[in-house]
C-alpha atoms as a PDB file:
ATOM      1  CA  MET A   1     202.149  93.807 205.491  1.00  0.00           C
ATOM      2  CA  ILE A   2     205.676  94.339 206.716  1.00  0.00           C
ATOM      3  CA  PHE A   3     205.552  91.948 209.732  1.00  0.00           C
ATOM      4  CA  SER A   4     204.241  88.371 209.960  1.00  0.00           C
ATOM      5  CA  ARG A   5     200.724  87.814 211.070  1.00  0.00           C
ATOM      6  CA  ALA A   6     202.017  86.470 214.395  1.00  0.00           C
ATOM      7  CA  ALA A   7     204.023  89.623 214.936  1.00  0.00           C
ATOM      8  CA  GLU A   8     201.060  91.866 214.084  1.00  0.00           C
ATOM      9  CA  TYR A   9     198.871  89.917 216.468  1.00  0.00           C
ATOM     10  CA  ALA A  10     201.466  90.046 219.232  1.00  0.00           C
ATOM     11  CA  ILE A  11     201.792  93.847 218.865  1.00  0.00           C
ATOM     12  CA  GLN A  12     197.977  94.220 218.831  1.00  0.00           C
ATOM     13  CA  ALA A  13     197.647  92.041 222.009  1.00  0.00           C
ATOM     14  CA  MET A  14     200.458  93.826 223.851  1.00  0.00           C
ATOM     15  CA  LEU A  15     199.001  97.258 223.036  1.00  0.00           C
ATOM     16  CA  TYR A  16     195.585  96.101 224.185  1.00  0.00           C
ATOM     17  CA  LEU A  17     197.027  94.703 227.407  1.00  0.00           C
ATOM     18  CA  ALA A  18     199.122  97.801 228.114  1.00  0.00           C
ATOM     19  CA  LYS A  19     196.144 100.127 227.590  1.00  0.00           C
ATOM     20  CA  TRP A  20     193.822  97.849 229.492  1.00  0.00           C
ATOM     21  CA  HIS A  21     196.145  97.874 232.553  1.00  0.00           C
ATOM     22  CA  GLU A  22     196.431 101.559 232.300  1.00  0.00           C
ATOM     23  CA  THR A  23     192.623 101.979 232.521  1.00  0.00           C
ATOM     24  CA  HIS A  24     192.165  99.038 235.033  1.00  0.00           C
ATOM     25  CA  PRO A  25     195.112  99.411 237.434  1.00  0.00           C
ATOM     26  CA  GLU A  26     193.282  97.397 240.128  1.00  0.00           C
ATOM     27  CA  GLU A  27     193.109  94.296 237.981  1.00  0.00           C
ATOM     28  CA  ARG A  28     196.344  92.437 237.506  1.00  0.00           C
ATOM     29  CA  TYR A  29     195.443  89.725 234.978  1.00  0.00           C
ATOM     30  CA  LEU A  30     193.441  89.595 231.783  1.00  0.00           C
ATOM     31  CA  GLN A  31     192.145  86.474 230.101  1.00  0.00           C
ATOM     32  CA  THR A  32     193.760  85.673 226.730  1.00  0.00           C
ATOM     33  CA  ARG A  33     190.300  84.852 225.337  1.00  0.00           C
ATOM     34  CA  GLU A  34     189.031  88.423 226.104  1.00  0.00           C
ATOM     35  CA  ILE A  35     191.968  89.896 224.222  1.00  0.00           C
ATOM     36  CA  ALA A  36     191.406  87.462 221.293  1.00  0.00           C
ATOM     37  CA  GLU A  37     187.725  88.452 221.120  1.00  0.00           C
ATOM     38  CA  ALA A  38     188.339  92.142 221.439  1.00  0.00           C
ATOM     39  CA  GLN A  39     191.077  92.187 218.709  1.00  0.00           C
ATOM     40  CA  GLU A  40     189.388  89.546 216.589  1.00  0.00           C
ATOM     41  CA  ILE A  41     192.434  87.331 216.731  1.00  0.00           C
ATOM     42  CA  PRO A  42     191.981  83.561 216.531  1.00  0.00           C
ATOM     43  CA  TYR A  43     192.168  82.361 220.170  1.00  0.00           C
ATOM     44  CA  TYR A  44     194.442  79.281 219.657  1.00  0.00           C
ATOM     45  CA  PHE A  45     196.874  81.361 217.501  1.00  0.00           C
ATOM     46  CA  LEU A  46     197.002  84.043 220.239  1.00  0.00           C
ATOM     47  CA  ALA A  47     197.474  81.395 222.937  1.00  0.00           C
ATOM     48  CA  LYS A  48     200.648  80.224 221.091  1.00  0.00           C
ATOM     49  CA  ILE A  49     201.838  83.815 220.709  1.00  0.00           C
ATOM     50  CA  VAL A  50     201.271  84.341 224.439  1.00  0.00           C
ATOM     51  CA  GLN A  51     203.498  81.338 225.090  1.00  0.00           C
ATOM     52  CA  ASP A  52     206.308  82.976 223.050  1.00  0.00           C
ATOM     53  CA  LEU A  53     205.859  86.352 224.791  1.00  0.00           C
ATOM     54  CA  THR A  54     205.882  84.659 228.123  1.00  0.00           C
ATOM     55  CA  ARG A  55     209.060  82.725 227.275  1.00  0.00           C
ATOM     56  CA  PHE A  56     210.732  86.006 226.339  1.00  0.00           C
ATOM     57  CA  GLU A  57     209.587  87.451 229.680  1.00  0.00           C
ATOM     58  CA  LEU A  58     207.382  90.100 228.071  1.00  0.00           C
ATOM     59  CA  LEU A  59     204.339  88.619 229.749  1.00  0.00           C
ATOM     60  CA  THR A  60     203.632  86.751 232.938  1.00  0.00           C
ATOM     61  CA  SER A  61     200.779  84.343 233.476  1.00  0.00           C
ATOM     62  CA  ALA A  62     198.810  82.892 236.301  1.00  0.00           C
ATOM     63  CA  LYS A  63     196.462  79.918 236.342  1.00  0.00           C
ATOM     64  CA  GLY A  64     193.170  79.675 238.074  1.00  0.00           C
ATOM     65  CA  PRO A  65     189.906  81.663 238.177  1.00  0.00           C
ATOM     66  CA  GLN A  66     191.632  84.978 238.868  1.00  0.00           C
ATOM     67  CA  GLY A  67     194.429  84.125 236.486  1.00  0.00           C
ATOM     68  CA  GLY A  68     195.318  85.274 232.986  1.00  0.00           C
ATOM     69  CA  ILE A  69     198.137  87.262 231.498  1.00  0.00           C
ATOM     70  CA  ALA A  70     199.849  90.594 232.410  1.00  0.00           C
ATOM     71  CA  LEU A  71     202.814  92.576 231.226  1.00  0.00           C
ATOM     72  CA  ALA A  72     206.064  91.337 232.887  1.00  0.00           C
ATOM     73  CA  ARG A  73     207.544  94.823 232.726  1.00  0.00           C
ATOM     74  CA  SER A  74     206.183  98.339 232.433  1.00  0.00           C
ATOM     75  CA  PRO A  75     205.113  99.647 229.020  1.00  0.00           C
ATOM     76  CA  GLU A  76     208.024 102.071 229.059  1.00  0.00           C
ATOM     77  CA  GLU A  77     210.378  99.066 229.080  1.00  0.00           C
ATOM     78  CA  ILE A  78     208.872  97.061 226.275  1.00  0.00           C
ATOM     79  CA  ARG A  79     209.986  98.038 222.793  1.00  0.00           C
ATOM     80  CA  ILE A  80     208.086  96.981 219.612  1.00  0.00           C
ATOM     81  CA  LEU A  81     211.341  95.267 218.539  1.00  0.00           C
ATOM     82  CA  ASP A  82     211.182  93.087 221.734  1.00  0.00           C
ATOM     83  CA  ILE A  83     207.683  91.945 220.748  1.00  0.00           C
ATOM     84  CA  ILE A  84     208.624  91.122 217.161  1.00  0.00           C
ATOM     85  CA  ALA A  85     211.801  89.282 218.258  1.00  0.00           C
ATOM     86  CA  ALA A  86     209.800  87.133 220.688  1.00  0.00           C
ATOM     87  CA  VAL A  87     207.409  85.761 218.073  1.00  0.00           C
ATOM     88  CA  ASP A  88     209.424  86.076 214.890  1.00  0.00           C
ATOM     89  CA  SER A  89     212.746  87.342 214.087  1.00  0.00           C
ATOM     90  CA  THR A  90     213.948  90.533 212.427  1.00  0.00           C
ATOM     91  CA  GLN A  91     214.804  88.362 209.374  1.00  0.00           C
ATOM     92  CA  TYR A  92     212.438  90.305 207.267  1.00  0.00           C
ATOM     93  CA  LEU A  93     214.843  93.177 207.412  1.00  0.00           C
ATOM     94  CA  SER A  94     217.467  91.056 205.446  1.00  0.00           C
ATOM     95  CA  ARG A  95     215.104  89.589 202.861  1.00  0.00           C
ATOM     96  CA  CYS A  96     214.688  90.968 199.381  1.00  0.00           C
ATOM     97  CA  VAL A  97     211.588  93.156 199.101  1.00  0.00           C
ATOM     98  CA  ILE A  98     210.544  91.511 195.801  1.00  0.00           C
ATOM     99  CA  GLY A  99     211.515  88.001 196.886  1.00  0.00           C
ATOM    100  CA  TYR A 100     214.716  87.359 195.057  1.00  0.00           C
ATOM    101  CA  PRO A 101     216.781  84.611 196.829  1.00  0.00           C
ATOM    102  CA  GLU A 102     219.910  86.791 196.556  1.00  0.00           C
ATOM    103  CA  CYS A 103     219.746  90.477 196.948  1.00  0.00           C
ATOM    104  CA  THR A 104     222.918  92.205 198.059  1.00  0.00           C
ATOM    105  CA  PRO A 105     224.802  95.381 197.237  1.00  0.00           C
ATOM    106  CA  GLU A 106     226.774  93.205 194.819  1.00  0.00           C
ATOM    107  CA  THR A 107     223.603  91.792 193.135  1.00  0.00           C
ATOM    108  CA  PRO A 108     220.851  94.258 193.989  1.00  0.00           C
ATOM    109  CA  CYS A 109     217.264  93.957 192.853  1.00  0.00           C
ATOM    110  CA  PRO A 110     215.663  96.996 191.281  1.00  0.00           C
ATOM    111  CA  LEU A 111     214.226  98.184 194.667  1.00  0.00           C
ATOM    112  CA  HIS A 112     217.304  97.241 196.774  1.00  0.00           C
ATOM    113  CA  TYR A 113     218.662 100.665 197.602  1.00  0.00           C
ATOM    114  CA  ASP A 114     215.235 102.338 198.180  1.00  0.00           C
ATOM    115  CA  TRP A 115     214.224  99.348 200.439  1.00  0.00           C
ATOM    116  CA  GLN A 116     217.497  99.685 202.398  1.00  0.00           C
ATOM    117  CA  LYS A 117     216.586 103.165 203.361  1.00  0.00           C
ATOM    118  CA  ILE A 118     213.007 102.143 204.366  1.00  0.00           C
ATOM    119  CA  LYS A 119     214.240  99.130 206.311  1.00  0.00           C
ATOM    120  CA  THR A 120     216.662 101.377 208.211  1.00  0.00           C
ATOM    121  CA  GLN A 121     213.863 103.788 209.224  1.00  0.00           C
ATOM    122  CA  ILE A 122     211.527 100.959 210.230  1.00  0.00           C
ATOM    123  CA  PHE A 123     214.272  99.287 212.323  1.00  0.00           C
ATOM    124  CA  HIS A 124     215.038 102.567 213.984  1.00  0.00           C
ATOM    125  CA  ILE A 125     211.366 103.141 214.921  1.00  0.00           C
ATOM    126  CA  ILE A 126     210.692  99.634 216.200  1.00  0.00           C
ATOM    127  CA  GLU A 127     213.970  99.734 218.187  1.00  0.00           C
ATOM    128  CA  HIS A 128     213.170 102.957 219.939  1.00  0.00           C
ATOM    129  CA  VAL A 129     209.311 103.044 220.210  1.00  0.00           C
ATOM    130  CA  THR A 130     207.793 101.518 223.360  1.00  0.00           C
ATOM    131  CA  LEU A 131     204.266 100.310 224.214  1.00  0.00           C
ATOM    132  CA  ALA A 132     204.007 103.469 226.454  1.00  0.00           C
ATOM    133  CA  ASP A 133     204.746 105.653 223.420  1.00  0.00           C
ATOM    134  CA  LEU A 134     201.945 103.990 221.349  1.00  0.00           C
ATOM    135  CA  ILE A 135     199.225 103.918 224.052  1.00  0.00           C
ATOM    136  CA  LYS A 136     199.709 107.497 225.111  1.00  0.00           C
ATOM    137  CA  ASP A 137     196.576 109.378 224.246  1.00  0.00           C
ATOM    138  CA  ALA A 138     195.102 106.346 222.413  1.00  0.00           C
ATOM    139  CA  GLN A 139     191.599 105.229 223.183  1.00  0.00           C
ATOM    140  CA  PHE A 140     189.573 102.045 222.892  1.00  0.00           C
ATOM    141  CA  GLN A 141     187.066 102.278 220.083  1.00  0.00           C
ATOM    142  CA  ASN A 142     185.034  99.165 219.219  1.00  0.00           C
ATOM    143  CA  GLY A 143     187.504  97.020 221.157  1.00  0.00           C
ATOM    144  CA  ARG A 144     190.551  98.352 219.228  1.00  0.00           C
ATOM    145  CA  LEU A 145     193.098 100.874 220.254  1.00  0.00           C
ATOM    146  CA  VAL A 146     192.880 104.001 218.159  1.00  0.00           C
ATOM    147  CA  ALA A 147     195.519 106.810 218.185  1.00  0.00           C
ATOM    148  CA  PRO A 148     194.562 110.476 218.166  1.00  0.00           C
ATOM    149  CA  LEU A 149     193.859 111.933 214.697  1.00  0.00           C
ATOM    150  CA  THR A 150     197.201 113.865 214.424  1.00  0.00           C
ATOM    151  CA  PHE A 151     200.363 113.400 212.538  1.00  0.00           C
ATOM    152  CA  GLY A 152     203.666 112.612 214.289  1.00  0.00           C
ATOM    153  CA  VAL A 153     202.072 111.092 217.401  1.00  0.00           C
ATOM    154  CA  VAL A 154     205.177 108.913 217.785  1.00  0.00           C
ATOM    155  CA  SER A 155     208.260 110.985 217.054  1.00  0.00           C
ATOM    156  CA  VAL A 156     211.537 109.250 216.443  1.00  0.00           C
ATOM    157  CA  GLU A 157     214.375 111.334 215.160  1.00  0.00           C
ATOM    158  CA  LEU A 158     215.456 110.038 211.736  1.00  0.00           C
ATOM    159  CA  GLY A 159     217.505 113.019 210.746  1.00  0.00           C
ATOM    160  CA  GLU A 160     214.536 114.779 209.133  1.00  0.00           C
ATOM    161  CA  SER A 161     211.045 115.900 210.017  1.00  0.00           C
ATOM    162  CA  SER A 162     208.806 112.897 210.913  1.00  0.00           C
ATOM    163  CA  GLY A 163     205.427 114.662 210.492  1.00  0.00           C
ATOM    164  CA  LYS A 164     203.363 117.560 211.591  1.00  0.00           C
ATOM    165  CA  SER A 165     201.588 118.021 214.846  1.00  0.00           C
END
């Protein structure tokens, strides 16, 4: 688990919402409860996450019988980094992977340098990958979004090959 539970749920909900709007363009809003049930996310936890996503202008909400939540921007404009920053922070990128309180180049833990490389790649991916990238060719299966069974579906240049097609 790289991200917090809140960040994971936020990403899942945003992916679900983006794909749902792609397949139901005539319907503007979706109920938070429907997303919570489909993604098996505790409703009250998701409701709090939705507040954070709305405050960061990633979601818009409307009250009333036809209300619910909707993406505030197109899926092409919402990066995974934006979602994580709305509910969490990117502080996990600066913490020691094995939990030491101080882990710097001057006082590195045994995994420090390897983790630095991995963190750089993770940050590069979440900074450049959008909801549109992740929902492309993905399908709903038992309420969850499932990517095609191929390697390298999301390709982000990291200076070396990122997978096989």
